[in-house]
């Protein structure tokens, strides 16, 4: 048993001797766990860290302002408040869909596909709030078919998809759905709501004859 203690102490001393204490500076260059032959040229690359100093520039700063008139590719110009924020010119939630989008069957089908992936597990296939998550203890999920949501402005629904619900029962989906796909989901939700409220009077003679195979 004594030998076990001695070996343990020896190993601890060896590790501390090789790697040092956390937070203490090295008096010698640190040991490279991955040798240069394994990853040549990758250990000691010159770089500037954010907010670090630099002797290269006269003001001593590493961070540099971009030149005038530069447009960053990762920050698109969003000059359509309706499309990107669900707001109208007055800053209120907009009704209807952005003019830049074409709401057709292809668009609604795209919304169906995204709805099935991201919305159906909680809200259910027909938007009645009876998704599969309810079987695993999920709390009450609102149905799309009550008056509050049927009358809600499309821009407000867009805002909820983008930023999540105020009570945090629904998380934001802006990182998963681009703005156009969020509007497509809204179009499909409107189709689900319309399907639940349809009447015989909504069926035109031409549509009825086409369904029955009549000319």
N, C-alpha and C. Protein backbone atom coordinates (compact mmCIF):
# COMPACT_ATOMS: atom_id res chain seq x y z
N UNK A 1 0.83 -1.20 0.00
CA UNK A 1 0.00 0.00 0.00
C UNK A 1 0.87 1.26 0.00
N UNK A 2 1.99 1.15 0.72
CA UNK A 2 2.91 2.30 0.78
C UNK A 2 3.42 2.66 -0.60
N UNK A 3 3.72 1.63 -1.40
CA UNK A 3 4.21 1.88 -2.76
C UNK A 3 3.17 2.62 -3.61
N UNK A 4 1.90 2.31 -3.39
CA UNK A 4 0.83 2.98 -4.14
C UNK A 4 0.83 4.47 -3.83
N UNK A 5 0.98 4.81 -2.54
CA UNK A 5 1.03 6.22 -2.15
C UNK A 5 2.23 6.92 -2.78
N UNK A 6 3.37 6.24 -2.74
CA UNK A 6 4.59 6.84 -3.29
C UNK A 6 4.45 7.09 -4.80
N UNK A 7 3.89 6.12 -5.50
CA UNK A 7 3.70 6.26 -6.95
C UNK A 7 2.74 7.40 -7.24
N UNK A 8 1.66 7.52 -6.44
CA UNK A 8 0.68 8.59 -6.64
C UNK A 8 1.30 9.96 -6.44
N UNK A 9 2.10 10.09 -5.36
CA UNK A 9 2.77 11.36 -5.09
C UNK A 9 3.75 11.70 -6.21
N UNK A 10 4.49 10.69 -6.66
CA UNK A 10 5.46 10.90 -7.75
C UNK A 10 4.76 11.39 -9.01
N UNK A 11 3.61 10.79 -9.35
CA UNK A 11 2.87 11.19 -10.54
C UNK A 11 2.36 12.62 -10.41
N UNK A 12 1.86 12.97 -9.24
CA UNK A 12 1.36 14.34 -9.02
C UNK A 12 2.48 15.36 -9.17
N UNK A 13 3.62 15.07 -8.57
CA UNK A 13 4.77 15.98 -8.68
C UNK A 13 5.22 16.09 -10.12
N UNK A 14 5.22 14.99 -10.84
CA UNK A 14 5.65 15.00 -12.24
C UNK A 14 4.71 15.87 -13.09
N UNK A 15 3.39 15.73 -12.88
CA UNK A 15 2.42 16.52 -13.65
C UNK A 15 2.58 18.00 -13.37
N UNK A 16 2.71 18.35 -12.07
CA UNK A 16 2.88 19.77 -11.72
C UNK A 16 4.18 20.31 -12.28
N UNK A 17 5.21 19.50 -12.28
CA UNK A 17 6.50 19.94 -12.79
C UNK A 17 6.44 20.21 -14.30
N UNK A 18 5.69 19.38 -14.99
CA UNK A 18 5.61 19.52 -16.45
C UNK A 18 4.68 20.66 -16.86
N UNK A 19 3.51 20.78 -16.24
CA UNK A 19 2.48 21.70 -16.70
C UNK A 19 2.33 22.95 -15.82
N UNK A 20 2.87 22.96 -14.61
CA UNK A 20 2.80 24.12 -13.75
C UNK A 20 1.43 24.30 -13.13
N UNK A 21 1.30 25.33 -12.28
CA UNK A 21 0.03 25.63 -11.64
C UNK A 21 -0.80 26.54 -12.55
N UNK A 22 -2.11 26.36 -12.51
CA UNK A 22 -3.00 27.19 -13.31
C UNK A 22 -2.90 28.65 -12.85
N UNK A 23 -2.74 29.56 -13.81
CA UNK A 23 -2.66 30.97 -13.48
C UNK A 23 -1.25 31.48 -13.28
N UNK A 24 -0.26 30.62 -13.25
CA UNK A 24 1.13 31.03 -13.08
C UNK A 24 1.83 31.05 -14.44
N UNK A 25 2.70 32.03 -14.61
CA UNK A 25 3.42 32.12 -15.86
C UNK A 25 4.56 31.10 -15.94
N UNK A 26 4.91 30.73 -17.16
CA UNK A 26 6.01 29.81 -17.38
C UNK A 26 7.33 30.60 -17.45
N UNK A 27 8.35 30.02 -16.88
CA UNK A 27 9.68 30.62 -17.04
C UNK A 27 10.37 30.09 -18.29
N UNK A 28 9.87 28.97 -18.81
CA UNK A 28 10.37 28.39 -20.04
C UNK A 28 9.19 28.24 -21.02
N UNK A 29 9.47 28.14 -22.32
CA UNK A 29 8.37 27.93 -23.28
C UNK A 29 7.55 26.70 -22.90
N UNK A 30 6.22 26.79 -22.97
CA UNK A 30 5.39 25.65 -22.58
C UNK A 30 5.57 24.46 -23.51
N UNK A 31 5.24 23.31 -22.99
CA UNK A 31 5.35 22.08 -23.78
C UNK A 31 4.19 22.01 -24.77
N UNK A 32 4.49 21.76 -26.04
CA UNK A 32 3.45 21.59 -27.04
C UNK A 32 2.90 20.17 -26.94
N UNK A 33 1.61 20.08 -26.59
CA UNK A 33 0.98 18.75 -26.54
C UNK A 33 0.95 18.14 -27.92
N UNK A 34 0.66 18.98 -28.94
CA UNK A 34 0.68 18.51 -30.33
C UNK A 34 1.95 19.04 -30.98
N UNK A 35 2.88 18.18 -31.30
CA UNK A 35 4.17 18.63 -31.83
C UNK A 35 4.04 19.28 -33.20
N UNK A 36 5.05 20.04 -33.57
CA UNK A 36 5.05 20.76 -34.83
C UNK A 36 4.93 19.85 -36.03
N UNK A 37 5.47 18.64 -35.92
CA UNK A 37 5.39 17.75 -37.08
C UNK A 37 3.96 17.28 -37.34
N UNK A 38 3.14 17.33 -36.30
CA UNK A 38 1.75 16.89 -36.50
C UNK A 38 0.92 17.98 -37.17
N UNK A 39 1.12 19.25 -36.75
CA UNK A 39 0.37 20.37 -37.32
C UNK A 39 1.36 21.49 -37.63
N UNK A 40 2.13 21.35 -38.67
CA UNK A 40 3.19 22.33 -38.93
C UNK A 40 2.64 23.74 -39.15
N UNK A 41 3.25 24.70 -38.45
CA UNK A 41 2.91 26.10 -38.66
C UNK A 41 1.65 26.58 -38.01
N UNK A 42 0.98 25.75 -37.21
CA UNK A 42 -0.30 26.16 -36.65
C UNK A 42 -0.22 26.58 -35.19
N UNK A 43 0.88 26.29 -34.52
CA UNK A 43 0.96 26.60 -33.10
C UNK A 43 1.21 28.08 -32.83
N UNK A 44 2.09 28.69 -33.59
CA UNK A 44 2.56 30.03 -33.26
C UNK A 44 2.32 30.97 -34.44
N UNK A 45 1.06 31.25 -34.71
CA UNK A 45 0.72 32.15 -35.79
C UNK A 45 0.54 33.57 -35.24
N UNK A 46 1.04 34.55 -35.92
CA UNK A 46 0.84 35.94 -35.46
C UNK A 46 -0.63 36.33 -35.60
N UNK A 47 -1.18 36.93 -34.58
CA UNK A 47 -2.58 37.35 -34.61
C UNK A 47 -2.80 38.44 -33.59
N UNK A 48 -3.85 39.20 -33.77
CA UNK A 48 -4.24 40.26 -32.85
C UNK A 48 -5.57 39.90 -32.22
N UNK A 49 -5.63 39.94 -30.91
CA UNK A 49 -6.87 39.63 -30.20
C UNK A 49 -7.73 40.89 -30.10
N UNK A 50 -9.07 40.71 -29.96
CA UNK A 50 -9.95 41.87 -29.84
C UNK A 50 -9.54 42.77 -28.68
N UNK A 51 -9.53 44.07 -28.93
CA UNK A 51 -9.20 45.09 -27.94
C UNK A 51 -7.76 44.98 -27.41
N UNK A 52 -6.93 44.28 -28.14
CA UNK A 52 -5.52 44.18 -27.73
C UNK A 52 -4.74 45.36 -28.30
N UNK A 53 -3.54 45.54 -27.79
CA UNK A 53 -2.67 46.62 -28.27
C UNK A 53 -1.89 46.17 -29.49
N UNK A 54 -1.50 47.15 -30.29
CA UNK A 54 -0.69 46.85 -31.47
C UNK A 54 0.32 47.97 -31.66
N UNK A 55 1.57 47.59 -31.84
CA UNK A 55 2.61 48.59 -32.08
C UNK A 55 2.69 48.98 -33.55
N UNK A 56 1.94 48.29 -34.40
CA UNK A 56 2.01 48.56 -35.83
C UNK A 56 1.31 49.87 -36.18
N UNK A 57 0.16 50.13 -35.49
CA UNK A 57 -0.62 51.33 -35.80
C UNK A 57 -0.25 52.46 -34.85
N UNK A 58 -0.37 53.69 -35.34
CA UNK A 58 0.06 54.86 -34.57
C UNK A 58 -0.76 55.04 -33.30
N UNK A 59 -2.04 54.67 -33.32
CA UNK A 59 -2.87 54.86 -32.13
C UNK A 59 -2.76 53.69 -31.16
N UNK A 60 -1.98 52.67 -31.51
CA UNK A 60 -1.73 51.56 -30.60
C UNK A 60 -2.87 50.58 -30.46
N UNK A 61 -3.89 50.67 -31.30
CA UNK A 61 -5.05 49.78 -31.18
C UNK A 61 -4.98 48.66 -32.23
N UNK A 62 -5.39 47.46 -31.82
CA UNK A 62 -5.48 46.35 -32.76
C UNK A 62 -6.78 46.42 -33.56
N UNK A 63 -7.88 46.82 -32.90
CA UNK A 63 -9.16 46.93 -33.59
C UNK A 63 -9.14 48.13 -34.53
N UNK A 64 -9.61 47.92 -35.76
CA UNK A 64 -9.61 48.99 -36.75
C UNK A 64 -11.03 49.23 -37.26
N UNK A 65 -11.36 50.46 -37.48
CA UNK A 65 -12.63 50.80 -38.10
C UNK A 65 -12.57 50.45 -39.59
N UNK A 66 -13.67 49.94 -40.15
CA UNK A 66 -13.65 49.64 -41.60
C UNK A 66 -13.57 50.92 -42.41
N UNK A 67 -13.00 50.86 -43.59
CA UNK A 67 -12.92 52.06 -44.44
C UNK A 67 -14.31 52.59 -44.78
N UNK A 68 -14.37 53.83 -45.18
CA UNK A 68 -15.65 54.44 -45.55
C UNK A 68 -16.28 53.69 -46.72
N UNK A 69 -17.62 53.61 -46.70
CA UNK A 69 -18.43 53.04 -47.77
C UNK A 69 -18.30 51.51 -47.88
N UNK A 70 -17.75 50.88 -46.86
CA UNK A 70 -17.65 49.42 -46.88
C UNK A 70 -19.01 48.83 -46.47
N UNK A 71 -19.47 47.82 -47.20
CA UNK A 71 -20.69 47.10 -46.87
C UNK A 71 -20.31 45.68 -46.52
N UNK A 72 -20.60 45.28 -45.29
CA UNK A 72 -20.24 43.93 -44.85
C UNK A 72 -21.21 42.92 -45.44
N UNK A 73 -20.65 41.83 -45.97
CA UNK A 73 -21.48 40.81 -46.62
C UNK A 73 -22.37 40.09 -45.62
N UNK A 74 -21.94 40.00 -44.35
CA UNK A 74 -22.72 39.27 -43.35
C UNK A 74 -23.77 40.14 -42.68
N UNK A 75 -23.86 41.42 -43.07
CA UNK A 75 -24.88 42.31 -42.53
C UNK A 75 -25.66 42.92 -43.69
N UNK A 76 -26.66 42.17 -44.21
CA UNK A 76 -27.40 42.66 -45.37
C UNK A 76 -28.17 43.94 -45.04
N UNK A 77 -28.34 44.78 -46.04
CA UNK A 77 -29.12 46.00 -45.87
C UNK A 77 -30.59 45.63 -45.80
N UNK A 78 -31.21 45.91 -44.65
CA UNK A 78 -32.60 45.53 -44.45
C UNK A 78 -33.46 46.80 -44.47
N UNK A 79 -33.87 47.19 -45.67
CA UNK A 79 -34.64 48.42 -45.82
C UNK A 79 -36.12 48.14 -46.03
N UNK A 80 -36.57 46.94 -45.73
CA UNK A 80 -37.98 46.58 -45.86
C UNK A 80 -38.47 46.15 -44.47
N UNK A 81 -39.05 47.09 -43.73
CA UNK A 81 -39.48 46.80 -42.36
C UNK A 81 -40.56 45.73 -42.32
N UNK A 82 -41.41 45.71 -43.33
CA UNK A 82 -42.48 44.70 -43.36
C UNK A 82 -41.89 43.30 -43.49
N UNK A 83 -40.94 43.13 -44.39
CA UNK A 83 -40.35 41.82 -44.64
C UNK A 83 -39.50 41.35 -43.47
N UNK A 84 -38.67 42.23 -42.92
CA UNK A 84 -37.69 41.81 -41.93
C UNK A 84 -38.13 41.96 -40.49
N UNK A 85 -39.12 42.84 -40.23
CA UNK A 85 -39.53 43.09 -38.85
C UNK A 85 -41.03 42.95 -38.61
N UNK A 86 -41.80 42.77 -39.68
CA UNK A 86 -43.24 42.64 -39.52
C UNK A 86 -43.91 43.95 -39.15
N UNK A 87 -43.27 45.09 -39.47
CA UNK A 87 -43.80 46.40 -39.09
C UNK A 87 -44.20 47.19 -40.34
N UNK A 88 -45.20 48.07 -40.16
CA UNK A 88 -45.57 48.97 -41.24
C UNK A 88 -44.84 50.30 -41.07
N UNK A 89 -45.18 51.28 -41.90
CA UNK A 89 -44.46 52.56 -41.89
C UNK A 89 -44.60 53.29 -40.56
N UNK A 90 -45.70 53.05 -39.84
CA UNK A 90 -45.91 53.73 -38.56
C UNK A 90 -45.22 53.02 -37.40
N UNK A 91 -44.64 51.85 -37.66
CA UNK A 91 -43.99 51.09 -36.60
C UNK A 91 -44.89 50.08 -35.93
N UNK A 92 -46.17 50.01 -36.36
CA UNK A 92 -47.10 49.02 -35.81
C UNK A 92 -46.96 47.70 -36.54
N UNK A 93 -47.46 46.63 -35.94
CA UNK A 93 -47.42 45.33 -36.61
C UNK A 93 -48.27 45.39 -37.87
N UNK A 94 -47.69 44.92 -38.96
CA UNK A 94 -48.34 45.03 -40.27
C UNK A 94 -49.36 43.92 -40.48
N UNK A 95 -50.41 44.26 -41.20
CA UNK A 95 -51.39 43.28 -41.64
C UNK A 95 -51.05 42.85 -43.07
N UNK A 96 -51.28 41.59 -43.37
CA UNK A 96 -50.97 41.09 -44.70
C UNK A 96 -49.52 40.70 -44.86
N UNK A 97 -49.14 40.37 -46.09
CA UNK A 97 -47.80 39.87 -46.39
C UNK A 97 -47.00 40.94 -47.14
N UNK A 98 -45.67 40.92 -47.01
CA UNK A 98 -44.84 41.90 -47.70
C UNK A 98 -45.06 41.87 -49.20
N UNK A 99 -45.03 43.04 -49.82
CA UNK A 99 -45.27 43.14 -51.26
C UNK A 99 -44.19 42.42 -52.07
N UNK A 100 -43.02 42.23 -51.48
CA UNK A 100 -41.93 41.58 -52.21
C UNK A 100 -42.09 40.07 -52.31
N UNK A 101 -43.07 39.51 -51.59
CA UNK A 101 -43.29 38.06 -51.61
C UNK A 101 -44.51 37.72 -52.45
N UNK A 102 -44.44 36.60 -53.13
CA UNK A 102 -45.57 36.09 -53.90
C UNK A 102 -46.18 34.92 -53.14
N UNK A 103 -47.38 35.11 -52.65
CA UNK A 103 -48.05 34.07 -51.88
C UNK A 103 -48.84 33.19 -52.84
N UNK A 104 -48.24 32.06 -53.21
CA UNK A 104 -48.89 31.11 -54.10
C UNK A 104 -48.77 29.72 -53.49
N UNK A 105 -49.17 28.70 -54.23
CA UNK A 105 -49.15 27.34 -53.69
C UNK A 105 -47.73 26.87 -53.37
N UNK A 106 -46.78 27.28 -54.20
CA UNK A 106 -45.39 26.91 -53.93
C UNK A 106 -44.92 27.53 -52.62
N UNK A 107 -45.31 28.77 -52.37
CA UNK A 107 -44.94 29.47 -51.15
C UNK A 107 -45.59 28.80 -49.94
N UNK A 108 -46.88 28.45 -50.06
CA UNK A 108 -47.58 27.80 -48.96
C UNK A 108 -47.01 26.41 -48.71
N UNK A 109 -46.62 25.70 -49.76
CA UNK A 109 -46.01 24.39 -49.59
C UNK A 109 -44.68 24.50 -48.85
N UNK A 110 -43.92 25.56 -49.14
CA UNK A 110 -42.68 25.79 -48.39
C UNK A 110 -43.01 26.01 -46.92
N UNK A 111 -44.07 26.77 -46.66
CA UNK A 111 -44.49 26.98 -45.28
C UNK A 111 -44.91 25.69 -44.61
N UNK A 112 -45.58 24.82 -45.35
CA UNK A 112 -45.98 23.52 -44.79
C UNK A 112 -44.76 22.71 -44.39
N UNK A 113 -43.74 22.71 -45.25
CA UNK A 113 -42.53 21.93 -44.96
C UNK A 113 -41.84 22.44 -43.69
N UNK A 114 -41.70 23.76 -43.57
CA UNK A 114 -41.05 24.32 -42.39
C UNK A 114 -41.92 24.17 -41.13
N UNK A 115 -43.22 24.30 -41.30
CA UNK A 115 -44.15 24.10 -40.19
C UNK A 115 -44.03 22.68 -39.63
N UNK A 116 -43.94 21.71 -40.52
CA UNK A 116 -43.85 20.31 -40.10
C UNK A 116 -42.60 20.07 -39.27
N UNK A 117 -41.51 20.74 -39.62
CA UNK A 117 -40.24 20.54 -38.91
C UNK A 117 -40.24 21.26 -37.57
N UNK A 118 -40.63 22.54 -37.56
CA UNK A 118 -40.41 23.38 -36.38
C UNK A 118 -41.65 23.62 -35.53
N UNK A 119 -42.83 23.56 -36.10
CA UNK A 119 -44.04 23.97 -35.38
C UNK A 119 -44.93 22.80 -34.99
N UNK A 120 -45.03 21.82 -35.86
CA UNK A 120 -45.97 20.72 -35.63
C UNK A 120 -45.73 19.95 -34.33
N UNK A 121 -44.48 19.72 -33.89
CA UNK A 121 -44.29 18.97 -32.65
C UNK A 121 -45.04 19.55 -31.46
N UNK A 122 -45.17 20.87 -31.40
CA UNK A 122 -45.90 21.50 -30.28
C UNK A 122 -47.33 21.86 -30.65
N UNK A 123 -47.50 22.45 -31.84
CA UNK A 123 -48.80 23.00 -32.21
C UNK A 123 -49.73 21.99 -32.89
N UNK A 124 -49.21 20.82 -33.26
CA UNK A 124 -50.04 19.82 -33.89
C UNK A 124 -50.15 20.01 -35.38
N UNK A 125 -50.51 18.96 -36.09
CA UNK A 125 -50.55 18.98 -37.55
C UNK A 125 -51.58 19.95 -38.08
N UNK A 126 -52.67 20.17 -37.36
CA UNK A 126 -53.72 21.08 -37.82
C UNK A 126 -53.71 22.38 -37.03
N UNK A 127 -52.69 22.59 -36.21
CA UNK A 127 -52.57 23.83 -35.46
C UNK A 127 -53.50 23.94 -34.28
N UNK A 128 -53.92 22.81 -33.72
CA UNK A 128 -54.87 22.84 -32.60
C UNK A 128 -54.19 22.75 -31.24
N UNK A 129 -52.85 22.81 -31.22
CA UNK A 129 -52.13 22.76 -29.96
C UNK A 129 -51.97 21.37 -29.38
N UNK A 130 -52.28 20.35 -30.18
CA UNK A 130 -52.21 18.97 -29.68
C UNK A 130 -51.01 18.24 -30.29
N UNK A 131 -49.84 18.85 -30.16
CA UNK A 131 -48.64 18.22 -30.71
C UNK A 131 -48.14 17.08 -29.84
N UNK A 132 -47.17 16.37 -30.36
CA UNK A 132 -46.65 15.19 -29.67
C UNK A 132 -45.95 15.55 -28.37
N UNK A 133 -45.46 16.80 -28.25
CA UNK A 133 -44.77 17.19 -27.02
C UNK A 133 -45.70 17.16 -25.82
N UNK A 134 -46.99 17.22 -26.06
CA UNK A 134 -47.94 17.20 -24.95
C UNK A 134 -47.90 15.86 -24.23
N UNK A 135 -47.53 14.81 -24.95
CA UNK A 135 -47.43 13.48 -24.34
C UNK A 135 -46.23 13.38 -23.40
N UNK A 136 -45.33 14.35 -23.49
CA UNK A 136 -44.11 14.32 -22.68
C UNK A 136 -44.07 15.46 -21.66
N UNK A 137 -45.26 15.94 -21.28
CA UNK A 137 -45.33 16.92 -20.21
C UNK A 137 -45.33 18.36 -20.63
N UNK A 138 -45.40 18.64 -21.96
CA UNK A 138 -45.44 20.02 -22.41
C UNK A 138 -46.71 20.69 -21.91
N UNK A 139 -46.59 21.93 -21.46
CA UNK A 139 -47.75 22.66 -20.97
C UNK A 139 -48.72 23.01 -22.08
N UNK A 140 -49.71 23.81 -21.74
CA UNK A 140 -50.75 24.17 -22.71
C UNK A 140 -50.15 24.94 -23.88
N UNK A 141 -50.41 24.47 -25.09
CA UNK A 141 -49.99 25.14 -26.30
C UNK A 141 -51.22 25.74 -26.97
N UNK A 142 -51.21 27.03 -27.27
CA UNK A 142 -52.43 27.65 -27.82
C UNK A 142 -52.80 27.08 -29.18
N UNK A 143 -54.08 27.03 -29.45
CA UNK A 143 -54.56 26.63 -30.76
C UNK A 143 -54.61 27.84 -31.67
N UNK A 144 -54.31 27.63 -32.93
CA UNK A 144 -54.37 28.71 -33.89
C UNK A 144 -55.81 29.10 -34.24
N UNK A 145 -56.77 28.32 -33.76
CA UNK A 145 -58.14 28.48 -34.24
C UNK A 145 -59.03 29.26 -33.28
N UNK A 146 -58.45 29.98 -32.34
CA UNK A 146 -59.27 30.87 -31.52
C UNK A 146 -59.25 32.27 -32.14
N UNK A 147 -60.22 33.08 -31.75
CA UNK A 147 -60.37 34.41 -32.36
C UNK A 147 -59.15 35.29 -32.18
N UNK A 148 -58.47 35.17 -31.05
CA UNK A 148 -57.32 36.03 -30.78
C UNK A 148 -56.24 35.86 -31.84
N UNK A 149 -55.93 34.61 -32.18
CA UNK A 149 -54.88 34.37 -33.16
C UNK A 149 -55.37 34.52 -34.59
N UNK A 150 -56.65 34.27 -34.83
CA UNK A 150 -57.17 34.47 -36.18
C UNK A 150 -57.16 35.96 -36.54
N UNK A 151 -57.41 36.82 -35.55
CA UNK A 151 -57.46 38.26 -35.80
C UNK A 151 -56.10 38.93 -35.62
N UNK A 152 -55.11 38.21 -35.15
CA UNK A 152 -53.78 38.80 -34.91
C UNK A 152 -53.14 39.19 -36.24
N UNK A 153 -52.49 40.36 -36.24
CA UNK A 153 -51.80 40.82 -37.45
C UNK A 153 -50.68 39.86 -37.83
N UNK A 154 -50.52 39.67 -39.13
CA UNK A 154 -49.45 38.78 -39.59
C UNK A 154 -48.09 39.24 -39.09
N UNK A 155 -47.90 40.54 -38.99
CA UNK A 155 -46.62 41.06 -38.50
C UNK A 155 -46.35 40.68 -37.06
N UNK A 156 -47.40 40.57 -36.25
CA UNK A 156 -47.21 40.16 -34.86
C UNK A 156 -46.85 38.68 -34.77
N UNK A 157 -47.47 37.88 -35.63
CA UNK A 157 -47.10 36.46 -35.67
C UNK A 157 -45.65 36.32 -36.10
N UNK A 158 -45.23 37.12 -37.09
CA UNK A 158 -43.84 37.12 -37.54
C UNK A 158 -42.91 37.48 -36.38
N UNK A 159 -43.29 38.47 -35.59
CA UNK A 159 -42.48 38.88 -34.45
C UNK A 159 -42.36 37.76 -33.42
N UNK A 160 -43.45 37.02 -33.20
CA UNK A 160 -43.41 35.91 -32.24
C UNK A 160 -42.48 34.80 -32.73
N UNK A 161 -42.56 34.49 -34.03
CA UNK A 161 -41.65 33.47 -34.58
C UNK A 161 -40.20 33.94 -34.45
N UNK A 162 -39.98 35.22 -34.69
CA UNK A 162 -38.62 35.76 -34.67
C UNK A 162 -38.03 35.82 -33.27
N UNK A 163 -38.82 36.35 -32.32
CA UNK A 163 -38.29 36.63 -30.98
C UNK A 163 -38.83 35.73 -29.89
N UNK A 164 -39.75 34.83 -30.20
CA UNK A 164 -40.35 33.98 -29.19
C UNK A 164 -41.53 34.68 -28.54
N UNK A 165 -42.26 33.94 -27.71
CA UNK A 165 -43.44 34.50 -27.05
C UNK A 165 -43.02 35.27 -25.80
N UNK A 166 -43.81 36.27 -25.40
CA UNK A 166 -43.46 37.07 -24.22
C UNK A 166 -43.32 36.25 -22.95
N UNK A 167 -44.11 35.19 -22.81
CA UNK A 167 -44.04 34.37 -21.59
C UNK A 167 -42.98 33.28 -21.67
N UNK A 168 -42.20 33.29 -22.77
CA UNK A 168 -41.05 32.38 -22.94
C UNK A 168 -41.47 30.91 -23.10
N UNK A 169 -42.76 30.66 -23.32
CA UNK A 169 -43.15 29.27 -23.60
C UNK A 169 -42.68 28.83 -24.98
N UNK A 170 -42.45 29.81 -25.84
CA UNK A 170 -41.95 29.52 -27.19
C UNK A 170 -40.65 30.27 -27.39
N UNK A 171 -39.62 29.58 -27.80
CA UNK A 171 -38.31 30.19 -28.01
C UNK A 171 -38.22 30.84 -29.39
N UNK A 172 -37.26 31.74 -29.60
CA UNK A 172 -37.10 32.36 -30.92
C UNK A 172 -36.68 31.34 -31.98
N UNK A 173 -37.14 31.58 -33.20
CA UNK A 173 -36.77 30.71 -34.32
C UNK A 173 -36.05 31.49 -35.42
N UNK A 174 -35.58 32.69 -35.11
CA UNK A 174 -34.89 33.48 -36.11
C UNK A 174 -33.60 32.82 -36.57
N UNK A 175 -32.98 32.01 -35.71
CA UNK A 175 -31.73 31.34 -36.08
C UNK A 175 -31.98 30.09 -36.91
N UNK A 176 -33.23 29.71 -37.06
CA UNK A 176 -33.56 28.50 -37.81
C UNK A 176 -34.33 28.79 -39.10
N UNK A 177 -35.06 29.89 -39.12
CA UNK A 177 -35.88 30.23 -40.28
C UNK A 177 -35.51 31.62 -40.78
N UNK A 178 -35.14 31.73 -42.04
CA UNK A 178 -34.89 33.04 -42.62
C UNK A 178 -36.22 33.78 -42.73
N UNK A 179 -36.20 35.12 -42.85
CA UNK A 179 -37.47 35.86 -42.87
C UNK A 179 -38.49 35.35 -43.88
N UNK A 180 -38.03 35.01 -45.08
CA UNK A 180 -38.97 34.53 -46.10
C UNK A 180 -39.66 33.24 -45.66
N UNK A 181 -38.93 32.36 -44.98
CA UNK A 181 -39.53 31.12 -44.50
C UNK A 181 -40.49 31.37 -43.35
N UNK A 182 -40.23 32.38 -42.54
CA UNK A 182 -41.17 32.72 -41.47
C UNK A 182 -42.50 33.17 -42.05
N UNK A 183 -42.44 33.97 -43.11
CA UNK A 183 -43.67 34.40 -43.77
C UNK A 183 -44.37 33.22 -44.44
N UNK A 184 -43.60 32.28 -44.96
CA UNK A 184 -44.20 31.09 -45.57
C UNK A 184 -44.95 30.28 -44.52
N UNK A 185 -44.37 30.15 -43.33
CA UNK A 185 -45.05 29.44 -42.23
C UNK A 185 -46.35 30.17 -41.87
N UNK A 186 -46.32 31.50 -41.84
CA UNK A 186 -47.53 32.26 -41.52
C UNK A 186 -48.60 32.03 -42.57
N UNK A 187 -48.19 31.97 -43.85
CA UNK A 187 -49.15 31.70 -44.92
C UNK A 187 -49.80 30.34 -44.73
N UNK A 188 -49.00 29.36 -44.33
CA UNK A 188 -49.57 28.02 -44.10
C UNK A 188 -50.49 28.01 -42.88
N UNK A 189 -50.11 28.75 -41.82
CA UNK A 189 -50.98 28.85 -40.65
C UNK A 189 -52.32 29.47 -41.03
N UNK A 190 -52.29 30.51 -41.86
CA UNK A 190 -53.54 31.12 -42.33
C UNK A 190 -54.36 30.11 -43.13
N UNK A 191 -53.69 29.27 -43.89
CA UNK A 191 -54.41 28.24 -44.64
C UNK A 191 -55.07 27.24 -43.69
N UNK A 192 -54.36 26.86 -42.61
CA UNK A 192 -54.94 25.96 -41.62
C UNK A 192 -56.16 26.60 -40.96
N UNK A 193 -56.04 27.87 -40.62
CA UNK A 193 -57.16 28.57 -39.99
C UNK A 193 -58.35 28.66 -40.94
N UNK A 194 -58.07 28.94 -42.21
CA UNK A 194 -59.15 29.06 -43.20
C UNK A 194 -59.84 27.72 -43.39
N UNK A 195 -59.06 26.64 -43.34
CA UNK A 195 -59.65 25.31 -43.53
C UNK A 195 -60.63 24.98 -42.43
N UNK A 196 -60.36 25.44 -41.22
CA UNK A 196 -61.25 25.16 -40.10
C UNK A 196 -62.50 26.03 -40.11
N UNK A 197 -62.47 27.13 -40.85
CA UNK A 197 -63.59 28.06 -40.87
C UNK A 197 -64.36 28.04 -42.19
N UNK A 198 -63.98 27.16 -43.09
CA UNK A 198 -64.61 27.13 -44.40
C UNK A 198 -66.06 26.68 -44.35
N UNK A 199 -66.84 27.15 -45.30
CA UNK A 199 -68.25 26.76 -45.44
C UNK A 199 -68.51 26.36 -46.89
N UNK A 200 -69.69 25.81 -47.12
CA UNK A 200 -70.07 25.41 -48.48
C UNK A 200 -70.11 26.62 -49.40
N UNK A 201 -70.47 27.76 -48.85
CA UNK A 201 -70.57 28.98 -49.65
C UNK A 201 -69.22 29.42 -50.20
N UNK A 202 -68.13 28.94 -49.58
CA UNK A 202 -66.79 29.31 -50.05
C UNK A 202 -66.39 28.56 -51.32
N UNK A 203 -67.10 27.49 -51.63
CA UNK A 203 -66.74 26.68 -52.80
C UNK A 203 -67.43 27.24 -54.03
N UNK A 204 -66.67 27.69 -55.00
CA UNK A 204 -67.24 28.24 -56.23
C UNK A 204 -67.78 27.11 -57.10
N UNK A 205 -68.66 27.45 -58.00
CA UNK A 205 -69.21 26.45 -58.91
C UNK A 205 -68.11 25.79 -59.74
N UNK A 206 -67.13 26.60 -60.18
CA UNK A 206 -66.05 26.04 -61.00
C UNK A 206 -65.23 25.04 -60.20
N UNK A 207 -64.93 25.37 -58.93
CA UNK A 207 -64.14 24.46 -58.10
C UNK A 207 -64.92 23.18 -57.81
N UNK A 208 -66.22 23.30 -57.56
CA UNK A 208 -67.04 22.12 -57.29
C UNK A 208 -67.11 21.21 -58.50
N UNK A 209 -67.28 21.79 -59.68
CA UNK A 209 -67.36 20.98 -60.90
C UNK A 209 -66.01 20.31 -61.17
N UNK A 210 -64.92 21.01 -60.89
CA UNK A 210 -63.59 20.41 -61.11
C UNK A 210 -63.37 19.24 -60.16
N UNK A 211 -63.81 19.38 -58.89
CA UNK A 211 -63.66 18.32 -57.91
C UNK A 211 -64.47 17.09 -58.32
N UNK A 212 -65.66 17.33 -58.87
CA UNK A 212 -66.53 16.22 -59.26
C UNK A 212 -66.17 15.68 -60.64
N UNK A 213 -65.21 16.28 -61.30
CA UNK A 213 -64.81 15.79 -62.61
C UNK A 213 -65.76 16.18 -63.72
N UNK A 214 -66.55 17.25 -63.49
CA UNK A 214 -67.52 17.68 -64.49
C UNK A 214 -66.94 18.83 -65.30
N UNK A 215 -67.40 18.96 -66.51
CA UNK A 215 -66.95 20.06 -67.38
C UNK A 215 -67.85 21.27 -67.18
